[in-house]
Amino acid sequence: MASDVDASGRPLPDEVQQRDVARWRKAERERLISLRMSLPQDARAAVTEAIARQLEALIAPLPNPVVSAYWPIRGEPDLRAWMGRMHHAGVRFALPVVVAPATPLEFRCWAPDCRMEHGVWRIPQPAERRLVTPTLAIAPLVGYDPGCYRLGYGGGFFDRTLASLSSRAIAVGIGYPELALPTIFPQAFDVPMDWILVGRHPPVARRMAQPRA
């Protein structure tokens, strides 16, 4: 009979449960992305502005912050104008870049006037490969739960990246209040966010992580 624990004594994943969760997440992604894209533009803009103020409060106490943001797609909060303002105020920014399937993301320096190119899924990314390590990493979310777990697009890139960073970045998921779920049924590979910001107070917070030395 096969053992139900691994060599270190930890329970092995339940394969049936994992398949059920994967099917449920696929259906929820489709539903929530459709919901997100159906939200009125003015409502999305108001939430985005509130999120920007919350992000500024998180960034303010950080010394020489490097913020990883993202290029918005499919109704995600559009932080590009805010990124430009904060860049001119002295905050350094980066955008995540997919290097290969099932590998961590890399972070390339971004500025409003930097040359861009199309990357995976034709999402714009900085053309010049100037790499940095973020101190605060922002990730758009498809859904979220009270435990600060983020439902993403299913590639696992953000979770894999957080696990691989030599210095612990503060992880911030952002989205809209309407994307709340009772649970995403977190699995062993899911990494909870330190903050979930949806423009409401108080934000959903797990803990305020400090970067490791």
Protein backbone atom coordinates (compact mmCIF):
# COMPACT_ATOMS: atom_id res chain seq x y z
CA MET A 1 0.00 0.00 0.00
CA ALA A 2 1.35 3.43 -0.92
CA SER A 3 2.30 5.69 1.96
CA ASP A 4 0.19 8.80 2.53
CA VAL A 5 3.18 10.82 3.79
CA ASP A 6 6.43 11.84 2.10
CA ALA A 7 9.96 11.14 3.33
CA SER A 8 9.82 14.05 5.77
CA GLY A 9 6.51 12.93 7.25
CA ARG A 10 4.36 15.59 5.56
CA PRO A 11 1.00 14.50 4.13
CA LEU A 12 1.04 13.86 0.42
CA PRO A 13 -1.32 15.97 -1.70
CA ASP A 14 -4.73 14.44 -2.31
CA GLU A 15 -4.78 14.06 -6.10
CA VAL A 16 -8.57 13.84 -6.32
CA GLN A 17 -8.95 16.99 -4.24
CA GLN A 18 -6.37 18.80 -6.37
CA ARG A 19 -8.26 17.91 -9.54
CA ASP A 20 -11.55 19.08 -8.02
CA VAL A 21 -9.98 22.37 -6.88
CA ALA A 22 -8.39 22.89 -10.32
CA ARG A 23 -11.76 22.44 -12.04
CA TRP A 24 -13.49 24.76 -9.57
CA ARG A 25 -10.81 27.43 -9.98
CA LYS A 26 -11.06 27.30 -13.77
CA ALA A 27 -14.79 27.92 -13.60
CA GLU A 28 -14.39 30.68 -11.01
CA ARG A 29 -11.71 32.42 -13.09
CA GLU A 30 -14.02 32.58 -16.08
CA ARG A 31 -16.89 33.88 -13.96
CA LEU A 32 -14.86 36.47 -12.08
CA ILE A 33 -13.01 37.79 -15.14
CA SER A 34 -16.37 38.29 -16.88
CA LEU A 35 -17.67 40.05 -13.76
CA ARG A 36 -14.57 42.25 -13.56
CA MET A 37 -14.83 43.30 -17.20
CA SER A 38 -18.53 44.11 -16.78
CA LEU A 39 -17.91 46.63 -13.99
CA PRO A 40 -18.58 50.22 -15.09
CA GLN A 41 -15.47 52.15 -16.09
CA ASP A 42 -16.11 54.92 -13.56
CA ALA A 43 -16.49 52.36 -10.74
CA ARG A 44 -13.20 50.70 -11.73
CA ALA A 45 -11.47 54.08 -11.85
CA ALA A 46 -12.74 55.04 -8.37
CA VAL A 47 -11.50 51.77 -6.86
CA THR A 48 -8.15 52.16 -8.64
CA GLU A 49 -7.69 55.66 -7.19
CA ALA A 50 -8.44 54.37 -3.69
CA ILE A 51 -5.99 51.49 -4.16
CA ALA A 52 -3.32 53.96 -5.28
CA ARG A 53 -3.70 55.89 -2.01
CA GLN A 54 -3.43 52.65 -0.02
CA LEU A 55 -0.30 51.67 -1.94
CA GLU A 56 1.29 55.03 -1.21
CA ALA A 57 0.72 54.43 2.51
CA LEU A 58 2.47 51.04 2.25
CA ILE A 59 5.40 52.44 0.27
CA ALA A 60 5.96 55.57 2.40
CA PRO A 61 7.93 53.91 5.26
CA LEU A 62 10.12 51.79 2.95
CA PRO A 63 13.71 53.01 2.39
CA ASN A 64 14.55 53.29 -1.34
CA PRO A 65 11.60 51.14 -2.45
CA VAL A 66 11.59 49.16 -5.67
CA VAL A 67 7.98 48.46 -6.64
CA SER A 68 7.02 45.75 -9.08
CA ALA A 69 3.74 46.65 -10.78
CA TYR A 70 2.09 45.21 -13.92
CA TRP A 71 0.64 46.18 -17.30
CA PRO A 72 -3.17 45.93 -17.02
CA ILE A 73 -5.27 43.55 -19.10
CA ARG A 74 -8.88 42.39 -19.08
CA GLY A 75 -10.32 45.00 -16.74
CA GLU A 76 -7.56 44.94 -14.11
CA PRO A 77 -7.04 48.13 -12.07
CA ASP A 78 -4.97 50.46 -14.27
CA LEU A 79 -2.16 51.93 -12.18
CA ARG A 80 -0.11 53.34 -15.05
CA ALA A 81 -0.88 57.01 -14.36
CA TRP A 82 -0.10 56.47 -10.68
CA MET A 83 3.13 54.70 -11.58
CA GLY A 84 4.18 57.71 -13.64
CA ARG A 85 3.45 60.12 -10.80
CA MET A 86 5.30 58.00 -8.25
CA HIS A 87 8.24 57.51 -10.61
CA HIS A 88 8.63 61.27 -10.91
CA ALA A 89 8.46 61.44 -7.10
CA GLY A 90 11.50 59.15 -6.91
CA VAL A 91 10.05 55.65 -6.55
CA ARG A 92 11.73 53.01 -8.71
CA PHE A 93 9.48 50.64 -10.64
CA ALA A 94 9.80 47.31 -12.40
CA LEU A 95 7.51 45.14 -14.49
CA PRO A 96 7.42 41.33 -14.26
CA VAL A 97 8.49 39.34 -17.30
CA VAL A 98 7.71 35.70 -18.06
CA VAL A 99 11.01 33.98 -18.93
CA ALA A 100 9.74 30.43 -19.52
CA PRO A 101 6.88 28.19 -18.41
CA ALA A 102 7.02 26.95 -14.80
CA THR A 103 9.86 29.33 -13.87
CA PRO A 104 9.96 32.43 -11.65
CA LEU A 105 9.35 35.83 -13.19
CA GLU A 106 12.17 38.32 -13.66
CA PHE A 107 11.74 42.01 -12.93
CA ARG A 108 12.91 44.62 -15.45
CA CYS A 109 13.30 48.30 -14.63
CA TRP A 110 10.45 50.44 -15.93
CA ALA A 111 10.11 54.19 -16.46
CA PRO A 112 7.41 56.12 -18.34
CA ASP A 113 9.74 56.76 -21.27
CA CYS A 114 11.39 53.33 -21.48
CA ARG A 115 11.23 51.34 -24.71
CA MET A 116 8.65 48.56 -24.58
CA GLU A 117 8.20 45.32 -26.49
CA HIS A 118 5.53 42.62 -26.58
CA GLY A 119 6.14 39.63 -24.33
CA VAL A 120 4.13 36.51 -23.55
CA TRP A 121 0.42 36.94 -24.38
CA ARG A 122 1.53 40.19 -26.13
CA ILE A 123 1.64 42.03 -22.83
CA PRO A 124 4.04 45.02 -23.09
CA GLN A 125 7.28 44.71 -21.13
CA PRO A 126 10.50 46.74 -20.92
CA ALA A 127 12.74 45.90 -23.87
CA GLU A 128 15.98 46.50 -21.97
CA ARG A 129 16.89 43.68 -19.58
CA ARG A 130 17.90 45.74 -16.54
CA LEU A 131 16.99 43.47 -13.64
CA VAL A 132 16.08 44.47 -10.09
CA THR A 133 14.68 42.75 -7.02
CA PRO A 134 11.47 44.33 -5.75
CA THR A 135 10.88 45.25 -2.13
CA LEU A 136 7.14 45.44 -2.78
CA ALA A 137 5.48 43.29 -5.44
CA ILE A 138 1.99 44.13 -6.70
CA ALA A 139 -0.09 41.42 -8.37
CA PRO A 140 -3.53 41.82 -9.92
CA LEU A 141 -6.01 39.26 -8.69
CA VAL A 142 -8.90 37.41 -10.25
CA GLY A 143 -10.34 36.57 -6.82
CA TYR A 144 -9.35 36.66 -3.16
CA ASP A 145 -10.40 35.29 0.21
CA PRO A 146 -10.22 36.43 3.86
CA GLY A 147 -6.96 34.53 4.37
CA CYS A 148 -5.21 36.85 1.88
CA TYR A 149 -4.98 34.07 -0.70
CA ARG A 150 -5.10 35.31 -4.28
CA LEU A 151 -6.74 33.52 -7.18
CA GLY A 152 -4.63 34.30 -10.24
CA TYR A 153 -4.67 33.15 -13.84
CA GLY A 154 -3.47 29.64 -13.04
CA GLY A 155 0.13 29.72 -14.25
CA GLY A 156 1.61 29.86 -10.75
CA PHE A 157 4.17 32.47 -11.80
CA PHE A 158 3.63 34.85 -8.89
CA ASP A 159 3.65 32.16 -6.19
CA ARG A 160 6.76 30.59 -7.69
CA THR A 161 8.48 33.98 -7.86
CA LEU A 162 7.75 34.90 -4.25
CA ALA A 163 9.15 31.56 -3.11
CA SER A 164 12.35 32.11 -5.11
CA LEU A 165 13.24 35.69 -4.10
CA SER A 166 16.36 35.89 -1.95
CA SER A 167 14.90 38.92 -0.15
CA ARG A 168 11.30 38.70 0.99
CA ALA A 169 9.19 41.18 -0.95
CA ILE A 170 5.99 42.57 0.54
CA ALA A 171 3.31 40.89 -1.58
CA VAL A 172 0.22 42.95 -2.40
CA GLY A 173 -2.76 41.64 -4.34
CA ILE A 174 -5.10 44.25 -5.83
CA GLY A 175 -8.54 44.03 -7.37
CA TYR A 176 -12.17 44.94 -6.85
CA PRO A 177 -14.43 44.25 -3.84
CA GLU A 178 -16.78 42.24 -6.06
CA LEU A 179 -14.10 39.56 -6.53
CA ALA A 180 -14.27 38.31 -2.93
CA LEU A 181 -14.67 34.57 -2.33
CA PRO A 182 -15.29 32.70 0.95
CA THR A 183 -12.15 30.67 0.13
CA ILE A 184 -9.98 29.83 -2.86
CA PHE A 185 -9.32 26.41 -1.29
CA PRO A 186 -5.58 27.14 -0.90
CA GLN A 187 -3.18 24.37 -1.79
CA ALA A 188 0.38 23.73 -0.58
CA PHE A 189 1.87 25.74 -3.47
CA ASP A 190 -0.27 28.85 -2.84
CA VAL A 191 1.50 31.77 -1.15
CA PRO A 192 -0.73 34.19 0.81
CA MET A 193 -0.39 37.88 0.14
CA ASP A 194 0.68 40.24 2.89
CA TRP A 195 -2.04 42.65 1.82
CA ILE A 196 -5.14 42.52 -0.35
CA LEU A 197 -6.21 46.01 -1.48
CA VAL A 198 -9.63 46.53 -3.05
CA GLY A 199 -10.11 50.20 -2.26
CA ARG A 200 -11.98 49.59 0.98
CA HIS A 201 -10.93 50.13 4.60
CA PRO A 202 -9.55 48.30 6.35
CA PRO A 203 -7.59 46.32 3.76
CA VAL A 204 -7.35 42.55 4.08
CA ALA A 205 -3.99 42.07 5.79
CA ARG A 206 -2.19 38.87 6.78
CA ARG A 207 0.95 40.45 8.15
CA MET A 208 3.32 43.26 7.23
CA ALA A 209 6.39 41.35 6.12
CA GLN A 210 9.82 42.88 6.38
CA PRO A 211 12.41 42.10 3.68
CA ARG A 212 15.08 39.72 4.86
CA ALA A 213 18.64 41.02 5.06
